[in-house]
PDB file of all heavy atoms in Angstrom:
ATOM      1  N   LYS A   1      29.107 -11.552 -31.186  1.00  0.00           N
ATOM      2  CA  LYS A   1      27.784 -11.010 -31.078  1.00  0.00           C
ATOM      3  C   LYS A   1      27.827  -9.465 -31.018  1.00  0.00           C
ATOM      4  O   LYS A   1      28.938  -8.849 -30.554  1.00  0.00           O
ATOM      5  CB  LYS A   1      27.033 -11.572 -29.895  1.00  0.00           C
ATOM      6  CG  LYS A   1      26.646 -13.006 -30.085  1.00  0.00           C
ATOM      7  CD  LYS A   1      26.000 -13.640 -28.898  1.00  0.00           C
ATOM      8  CE  LYS A   1      25.471 -15.001 -29.087  1.00  0.00           C
ATOM      9  NZ  LYS A   1      24.566 -15.186 -30.298  1.00  0.00           N
ATOM     10  N   ASN A   2      26.692  -8.791 -31.207  1.00  0.00           N
ATOM     11  CA  ASN A   2      26.667  -7.279 -31.195  1.00  0.00           C
ATOM     12  C   ASN A   2      26.955  -6.696 -29.839  1.00  0.00           C
ATOM     13  O   ASN A   2      27.347  -5.546 -29.746  1.00  0.00           O
ATOM     14  CB  ASN A   2      25.294  -6.855 -31.821  1.00  0.00           C
ATOM     15  CG  ASN A   2      25.030  -7.086 -33.201  1.00  0.00           C
ATOM     16  OD1 ASN A   2      26.060  -7.184 -33.966  1.00  0.00           O
ATOM     17  ND2 ASN A   2      23.878  -7.277 -33.663  1.00  0.00           N
ATOM     18  N   GLN A   3      26.747  -7.488 -28.842  1.00  0.00           N
ATOM     19  CA  GLN A   3      26.946  -6.997 -27.465  1.00  0.00           C
ATOM     20  C   GLN A   3      28.430  -6.987 -27.037  1.00  0.00           C
ATOM     21  O   GLN A   3      28.765  -6.464 -25.974  1.00  0.00           O
ATOM     22  CB  GLN A   3      26.213  -7.854 -26.429  1.00  0.00           C
ATOM     23  CG  GLN A   3      24.715  -7.796 -26.611  1.00  0.00           C
ATOM     24  CD  GLN A   3      24.255  -8.797 -27.661  1.00  0.00           C
ATOM     25  OE1 GLN A   3      24.941  -9.509 -28.263  1.00  0.00           O
ATOM     26  NE2 GLN A   3      22.929  -8.698 -28.037  1.00  0.00           N
ATOM     27  N   GLN A   4      29.258  -7.628 -27.776  1.00  0.00           N
ATOM     28  CA  GLN A   4      30.675  -7.635 -27.506  1.00  0.00           C
ATOM     29  C   GLN A   4      31.293  -6.177 -27.578  1.00  0.00           C
ATOM     30  O   GLN A   4      30.989  -5.409 -28.480  1.00  0.00           O
ATOM     31  CB  GLN A   4      31.478  -8.511 -28.359  1.00  0.00           C
ATOM     32  CG  GLN A   4      31.124 -10.027 -28.168  1.00  0.00           C
ATOM     33  CD  GLN A   4      31.652 -10.508 -26.850  1.00  0.00           C
ATOM     34  OE1 GLN A   4      32.619 -10.111 -26.281  1.00  0.00           O
ATOM     35  NE2 GLN A   4      30.944 -11.453 -26.261  1.00  0.00           N
ATOM     36  N   PRO A   5      32.187  -5.849 -26.540  1.00  0.00           N
ATOM     37  CA  PRO A   5      32.710  -4.506 -26.555  1.00  0.00           C
ATOM     38  C   PRO A   5      33.405  -4.033 -27.815  1.00  0.00           C
ATOM     39  O   PRO A   5      33.303  -2.940 -28.302  1.00  0.00           O
ATOM     40  CB  PRO A   5      33.712  -4.542 -25.369  1.00  0.00           C
ATOM     41  CG  PRO A   5      33.217  -5.623 -24.480  1.00  0.00           C
ATOM     42  CD  PRO A   5      32.587  -6.621 -25.453  1.00  0.00           C
ATOM     43  N   SER A   6      34.234  -4.915 -28.486  1.00  0.00           N
ATOM     44  CA  SER A   6      34.866  -4.528 -29.713  1.00  0.00           C
ATOM     45  C   SER A   6      33.834  -4.360 -30.803  1.00  0.00           C
ATOM     46  O   SER A   6      34.154  -3.504 -31.672  1.00  0.00           O
ATOM     47  CB  SER A   6      35.901  -5.655 -30.087  1.00  0.00           C
ATOM     48  OG  SER A   6      35.268  -6.848 -30.336  1.00  0.00           O
ATOM     49  N   VAL A   7      32.845  -5.099 -30.873  1.00  0.00           N
ATOM     50  CA  VAL A   7      31.804  -4.856 -31.938  1.00  0.00           C
ATOM     51  C   VAL A   7      31.037  -3.531 -31.749  1.00  0.00           C
ATOM     52  O   VAL A   7      30.817  -2.763 -32.648  1.00  0.00           O
ATOM     53  CB  VAL A   7      30.786  -5.975 -31.949  1.00  0.00           C
ATOM     54  CG1 VAL A   7      29.666  -5.780 -32.940  1.00  0.00           C
ATOM     55  CG2 VAL A   7      31.457  -7.315 -32.147  1.00  0.00           C
ATOM     56  N   GLU A   8      30.682  -3.146 -30.437  1.00  0.00           N
ATOM     57  CA  GLU A   8      30.039  -1.931 -30.175  1.00  0.00           C
ATOM     58  C   GLU A   8      30.980  -0.793 -30.555  1.00  0.00           C
ATOM     59  O   GLU A   8      30.552   0.270 -31.051  1.00  0.00           O
ATOM     60  CB  GLU A   8      29.638  -1.831 -28.685  1.00  0.00           C
ATOM     61  CG  GLU A   8      28.549  -2.773 -28.214  1.00  0.00           C
ATOM     62  CD  GLU A   8      28.261  -2.757 -26.754  1.00  0.00           C
ATOM     63  OE1 GLU A   8      29.136  -2.143 -26.041  1.00  0.00           O
ATOM     64  OE2 GLU A   8      27.213  -3.213 -26.388  1.00  0.00           O
ATOM     65  N   ALA A   9      32.259  -0.895 -30.172  1.00  0.00           N
ATOM     66  CA  ALA A   9      33.236   0.098 -30.538  1.00  0.00           C
ATOM     67  C   ALA A   9      33.374   0.292 -32.131  1.00  0.00           C
ATOM     68  O   ALA A   9      33.491   1.372 -32.540  1.00  0.00           O
ATOM     69  CB  ALA A   9      34.602  -0.392 -29.953  1.00  0.00           C
ATOM     70  N   GLN A  10      33.392  -0.861 -32.808  1.00  0.00           N
ATOM     71  CA  GLN A  10      33.573  -0.805 -34.279  1.00  0.00           C
ATOM     72  C   GLN A  10      32.301  -0.090 -34.911  1.00  0.00           C
ATOM     73  O   GLN A  10      32.482   0.735 -35.786  1.00  0.00           O
ATOM     74  CB  GLN A  10      33.664  -2.141 -34.870  1.00  0.00           C
ATOM     75  CG  GLN A  10      33.988  -2.171 -36.293  1.00  0.00           C
ATOM     76  CD  GLN A  10      35.341  -1.485 -36.648  1.00  0.00           C
ATOM     77  OE1 GLN A  10      36.378  -1.674 -35.843  1.00  0.00           O
ATOM     78  NE2 GLN A  10      35.347  -0.715 -37.736  1.00  0.00           N
ATOM     79  N   LYS A  11      31.110  -0.327 -34.281  1.00  0.00           N
ATOM     80  CA  LYS A  11      29.929   0.327 -34.816  1.00  0.00           C
ATOM     81  C   LYS A  11      30.023   1.849 -34.620  1.00  0.00           C
ATOM     82  O   LYS A  11      29.518   2.658 -35.418  1.00  0.00           O
ATOM     83  CB  LYS A  11      28.662  -0.332 -34.281  1.00  0.00           C
ATOM     84  CG  LYS A  11      28.365  -1.612 -34.682  1.00  0.00           C
ATOM     85  CD  LYS A  11      27.094  -2.216 -34.144  1.00  0.00           C
ATOM     86  CE  LYS A  11      26.664  -3.538 -34.762  1.00  0.00           C
ATOM     87  NZ  LYS A  11      25.394  -4.084 -34.154  1.00  0.00           N
ATOM     88  N   LEU A  12      30.373   2.217 -33.351  1.00  0.00           N
ATOM     89  CA  LEU A  12      30.544   3.591 -33.094  1.00  0.00           C
ATOM     90  C   LEU A  12      31.682   4.288 -34.014  1.00  0.00           C
ATOM     91  O   LEU A  12      31.435   5.415 -34.434  1.00  0.00           O
ATOM     92  CB  LEU A  12      30.960   3.739 -31.634  1.00  0.00           C
ATOM     93  CG  LEU A  12      31.142   5.215 -31.159  1.00  0.00           C
ATOM     94  CD1 LEU A  12      29.809   6.017 -31.225  1.00  0.00           C
ATOM     95  CD2 LEU A  12      31.684   5.172 -29.637  1.00  0.00           C
ATOM     96  N   ALA A  13      32.773   3.590 -34.253  1.00  0.00           N
ATOM     97  CA  ALA A  13      33.775   4.048 -35.163  1.00  0.00           C
ATOM     98  C   ALA A  13      33.197   4.323 -36.532  1.00  0.00           C
ATOM     99  O   ALA A  13      33.488   5.371 -37.162  1.00  0.00           O
ATOM    100  CB  ALA A  13      35.013   3.107 -35.192  1.00  0.00           C
ATOM    101  N   GLU A  14      32.420   3.388 -36.963  1.00  0.00           N
ATOM    102  CA  GLU A  14      31.858   3.556 -38.369  1.00  0.00           C
ATOM    103  C   GLU A  14      30.884   4.758 -38.414  1.00  0.00           C
ATOM    104  O   GLU A  14      30.810   5.400 -39.468  1.00  0.00           O
ATOM    105  CB  GLU A  14      31.132   2.235 -38.813  1.00  0.00           C
ATOM    106  CG  GLU A  14      32.098   1.110 -38.969  1.00  0.00           C
ATOM    107  CD  GLU A  14      31.393  -0.193 -39.204  1.00  0.00           C
ATOM    108  OE1 GLU A  14      30.094  -0.129 -39.247  1.00  0.00           O
ATOM    109  OE2 GLU A  14      32.030  -1.240 -39.407  1.00  0.00           O
ATOM    110  N   LYS A  15      30.186   4.986 -37.321  1.00  0.00           N
ATOM    111  CA  LYS A  15      29.220   6.055 -37.340  1.00  0.00           C
ATOM    112  C   LYS A  15      29.860   7.423 -37.127  1.00  0.00           C
ATOM    113  O   LYS A  15      29.527   8.367 -37.900  1.00  0.00           O
ATOM    114  CB  LYS A  15      28.221   5.861 -36.223  1.00  0.00           C
ATOM    115  CG  LYS A  15      27.225   6.900 -35.981  1.00  0.00           C
ATOM    116  CD  LYS A  15      26.277   6.695 -34.748  1.00  0.00           C
ATOM    117  CE  LYS A  15      25.302   7.829 -34.653  1.00  0.00           C
ATOM    118  NZ  LYS A  15      24.459   7.588 -33.402  1.00  0.00           N
ATOM    119  N   GLU A  16      30.829   7.465 -36.263  1.00  0.00           N
ATOM    120  CA  GLU A  16      31.440   8.811 -35.909  1.00  0.00           C
ATOM    121  C   GLU A  16      32.648   9.133 -36.610  1.00  0.00           C
ATOM    122  O   GLU A  16      33.070  10.282 -36.857  1.00  0.00           O
ATOM    123  CB  GLU A  16      31.673   8.938 -34.401  1.00  0.00           C
ATOM    124  CG  GLU A  16      30.376   8.835 -33.520  1.00  0.00           C
ATOM    125  CD  GLU A  16      29.583  10.097 -33.668  1.00  0.00           C
ATOM    126  OE1 GLU A  16      30.133  11.092 -34.096  1.00  0.00           O
ATOM    127  OE2 GLU A  16      28.429  10.080 -33.342  1.00  0.00           O
ATOM    128  N   PHE A  17      33.381   8.134 -37.194  1.00  0.00           N
ATOM    129  CA  PHE A  17      34.629   8.314 -37.821  1.00  0.00           C
ATOM    130  C   PHE A  17      34.665   7.585 -39.125  1.00  0.00           C
ATOM    131  O   PHE A  17      35.424   6.662 -39.335  1.00  0.00           O
ATOM    132  CB  PHE A  17      35.828   7.881 -36.907  1.00  0.00           C
ATOM    133  CG  PHE A  17      35.806   8.432 -35.607  1.00  0.00           C
ATOM    134  CD1 PHE A  17      35.260   7.693 -34.471  1.00  0.00           C
ATOM    135  CD2 PHE A  17      36.195   9.777 -35.303  1.00  0.00           C
ATOM    136  CE1 PHE A  17      35.090   8.282 -33.258  1.00  0.00           C
ATOM    137  CE2 PHE A  17      36.095  10.301 -33.995  1.00  0.00           C
ATOM    138  CZ  PHE A  17      35.589   9.625 -32.984  1.00  0.00           C
ATOM    139  N   PRO A  18      33.807   7.957 -40.055  1.00  0.00           N
ATOM    140  CA  PRO A  18      33.602   7.198 -41.312  1.00  0.00           C
ATOM    141  C   PRO A  18      34.709   7.092 -42.248  1.00  0.00           C
ATOM    142  O   PRO A  18      34.875   6.193 -43.093  1.00  0.00           O
ATOM    143  CB  PRO A  18      32.386   7.878 -41.890  1.00  0.00           C
ATOM    144  CG  PRO A  18      32.346   9.228 -41.328  1.00  0.00           C
ATOM    145  CD  PRO A  18      32.846   9.122 -39.966  1.00  0.00           C
ATOM    146  N   SER A  19      35.601   8.068 -42.184  1.00  0.00           N
ATOM    147  CA  SER A  19      36.786   7.998 -43.120  1.00  0.00           C
ATOM    148  C   SER A  19      37.603   6.872 -42.960  1.00  0.00           C
ATOM    149  O   SER A  19      38.362   6.499 -43.869  1.00  0.00           O
ATOM    150  CB  SER A  19      37.624   9.301 -42.888  1.00  0.00           C
ATOM    151  OG  SER A  19      38.170   9.324 -41.615  1.00  0.00           O
ATOM    152  N   GLY A  20      37.611   6.191 -41.806  1.00  0.00           N
ATOM    153  CA  GLY A  20      38.400   5.028 -41.553  1.00  0.00           C
ATOM    154  C   GLY A  20      37.646   3.742 -41.416  1.00  0.00           C
ATOM    155  O   GLY A  20      38.158   2.836 -40.850  1.00  0.00           O
ATOM    156  N   THR A  21      36.513   3.692 -42.071  1.00  0.00           N
ATOM    157  CA  THR A  21      35.589   2.577 -41.804  1.00  0.00           C
ATOM    158  C   THR A  21      35.670   1.517 -42.864  1.00  0.00           C
ATOM    159  O   THR A  21      34.984   0.482 -42.894  1.00  0.00           O
ATOM    160  CB  THR A  21      34.067   3.007 -41.595  1.00  0.00           C
ATOM    161  OG1 THR A  21      33.768   3.780 -42.859  1.00  0.00           O
ATOM    162  CG2 THR A  21      34.022   3.891 -40.488  1.00  0.00           C
ATOM    163  N   GLY A  22      36.481   1.799 -43.934  1.00  0.00           N
ATOM    164  CA  GLY A  22      36.650   0.773 -44.978  1.00  0.00           C
ATOM    165  C   GLY A  22      37.547  -0.287 -44.516  1.00  0.00           C
ATOM    166  O   GLY A  22      38.254  -0.171 -43.384  1.00  0.00           O
ATOM    167  N   LYS A  23      37.762  -1.321 -45.292  1.00  0.00           N
ATOM    168  CA  LYS A  23      38.630  -2.476 -44.945  1.00  0.00           C
ATOM    169  C   LYS A  23      39.995  -2.064 -45.614  1.00  0.00           C
ATOM    170  O   LYS A  23      40.112  -1.888 -46.832  1.00  0.00           O
ATOM    171  CB  LYS A  23      38.143  -3.722 -45.454  1.00  0.00           C
ATOM    172  CG  LYS A  23      36.964  -4.337 -44.756  1.00  0.00           C
ATOM    173  CD  LYS A  23      36.697  -5.770 -45.034  1.00  0.00           C
ATOM    174  CE  LYS A  23      36.117  -5.868 -46.515  1.00  0.00           C
ATOM    175  NZ  LYS A  23      35.539  -7.280 -46.652  1.00  0.00           N
ATOM    176  N   PRO A  24      41.081  -1.982 -44.766  1.00  0.00           N
ATOM    177  CA  PRO A  24      42.325  -1.633 -45.356  1.00  0.00           C
ATOM    178  C   PRO A  24      43.077  -2.705 -45.977  1.00  0.00           C
ATOM    179  O   PRO A  24      43.166  -3.784 -45.365  1.00  0.00           O
ATOM    180  CB  PRO A  24      43.058  -0.969 -44.141  1.00  0.00           C
ATOM    181  CG  PRO A  24      42.463  -1.708 -42.913  1.00  0.00           C
ATOM    182  CD  PRO A  24      41.068  -1.974 -43.299  1.00  0.00           C
ATOM    183  N   ALA A  25      43.756  -2.441 -47.011  1.00  0.00           N
ATOM    184  CA  ALA A  25      44.741  -3.346 -47.643  1.00  0.00           C
ATOM    185  C   ALA A  25      46.116  -2.525 -47.556  1.00  0.00           C
ATOM    186  O   ALA A  25      46.199  -1.362 -48.006  1.00  0.00           O
ATOM    187  CB  ALA A  25      44.498  -3.744 -49.032  1.00  0.00           C
ATOM    188  N   LEU A  26      47.113  -3.153 -47.039  1.00  0.00           N
ATOM    189  CA  LEU A  26      48.433  -2.444 -46.831  1.00  0.00           C
ATOM    190  C   LEU A  26      49.418  -2.986 -47.905  1.00  0.00           C
ATOM    191  O   LEU A  26      49.821  -4.198 -47.755  1.00  0.00           O
ATOM    192  CB  LEU A  26      49.004  -2.637 -45.456  1.00  0.00           C
ATOM    193  CG  LEU A  26      48.112  -2.173 -44.294  1.00  0.00           C
ATOM    194  CD1 LEU A  26      48.778  -2.399 -43.004  1.00  0.00           C
ATOM    195  CD2 LEU A  26      47.720  -0.695 -44.493  1.00  0.00           C
ATOM    196  N   LEU A  27      49.641  -2.256 -48.901  1.00  0.00           N
ATOM    197  CA  LEU A  27      50.582  -2.602 -49.970  1.00  0.00           C
ATOM    198  C   LEU A  27      52.007  -2.288 -49.417  1.00  0.00           C
ATOM    199  O   LEU A  27      52.336  -1.138 -49.300  1.00  0.00           O
ATOM    200  CB  LEU A  27      50.307  -1.867 -51.248  1.00  0.00           C
ATOM    201  CG  LEU A  27      49.251  -2.602 -52.193  1.00  0.00           C
ATOM    202  CD1 LEU A  27      47.905  -2.538 -51.536  1.00  0.00           C
ATOM    203  CD2 LEU A  27      49.239  -1.821 -53.575  1.00  0.00           C
ATOM    204  N   THR A  28      52.746  -3.360 -49.228  1.00  0.00           N
ATOM    205  CA  THR A  28      54.044  -3.246 -48.592  1.00  0.00           C
ATOM    206  C   THR A  28      55.101  -3.344 -49.630  1.00  0.00           C
ATOM    207  O   THR A  28      55.309  -4.449 -50.072  1.00  0.00           O
ATOM    208  CB  THR A  28      54.260  -4.200 -47.452  1.00  0.00           C
ATOM    209  OG1 THR A  28      53.187  -4.159 -46.551  1.00  0.00           O
ATOM    210  CG2 THR A  28      55.515  -3.991 -46.803  1.00  0.00           C
ATOM    211  N   TRP A  29      55.767  -2.177 -49.983  1.00  0.00           N
ATOM    212  CA  TRP A  29      56.751  -2.148 -51.041  1.00  0.00           C
ATOM    213  C   TRP A  29      58.107  -2.438 -50.379  1.00  0.00           C
ATOM    214  O   TRP A  29      58.411  -1.900 -49.367  1.00  0.00           O
ATOM    215  CB  TRP A  29      56.727  -0.804 -51.706  1.00  0.00           C
ATOM    216  CG  TRP A  29      55.437  -0.542 -52.475  1.00  0.00           C
ATOM    217  CD1 TRP A  29      54.334   0.121 -51.907  1.00  0.00           C
ATOM    218  CD2 TRP A  29      55.149  -0.761 -53.825  1.00  0.00           C
ATOM    219  NE1 TRP A  29      53.396   0.280 -52.839  1.00  0.00           N
ATOM    220  CE2 TRP A  29      53.767  -0.301 -53.996  1.00  0.00           C
ATOM    221  CE3 TRP A  29      55.829  -1.406 -54.901  1.00  0.00           C
ATOM    222  CZ2 TRP A  29      53.122  -0.436 -55.198  1.00  0.00           C
ATOM    223  CZ3 TRP A  29      55.119  -1.504 -56.141  1.00  0.00           C
ATOM    224  CH2 TRP A  29      53.873  -1.079 -56.252  1.00  0.00           C
TER     225      TRP A  29
END
């Protein structure tokens, strides 16, 4: 739910630190 601390933190991260808000894929060579 939106009230969970990790969800609130993620929303803040998306708002204030947008460069890292995409979903990462790690290509491991």
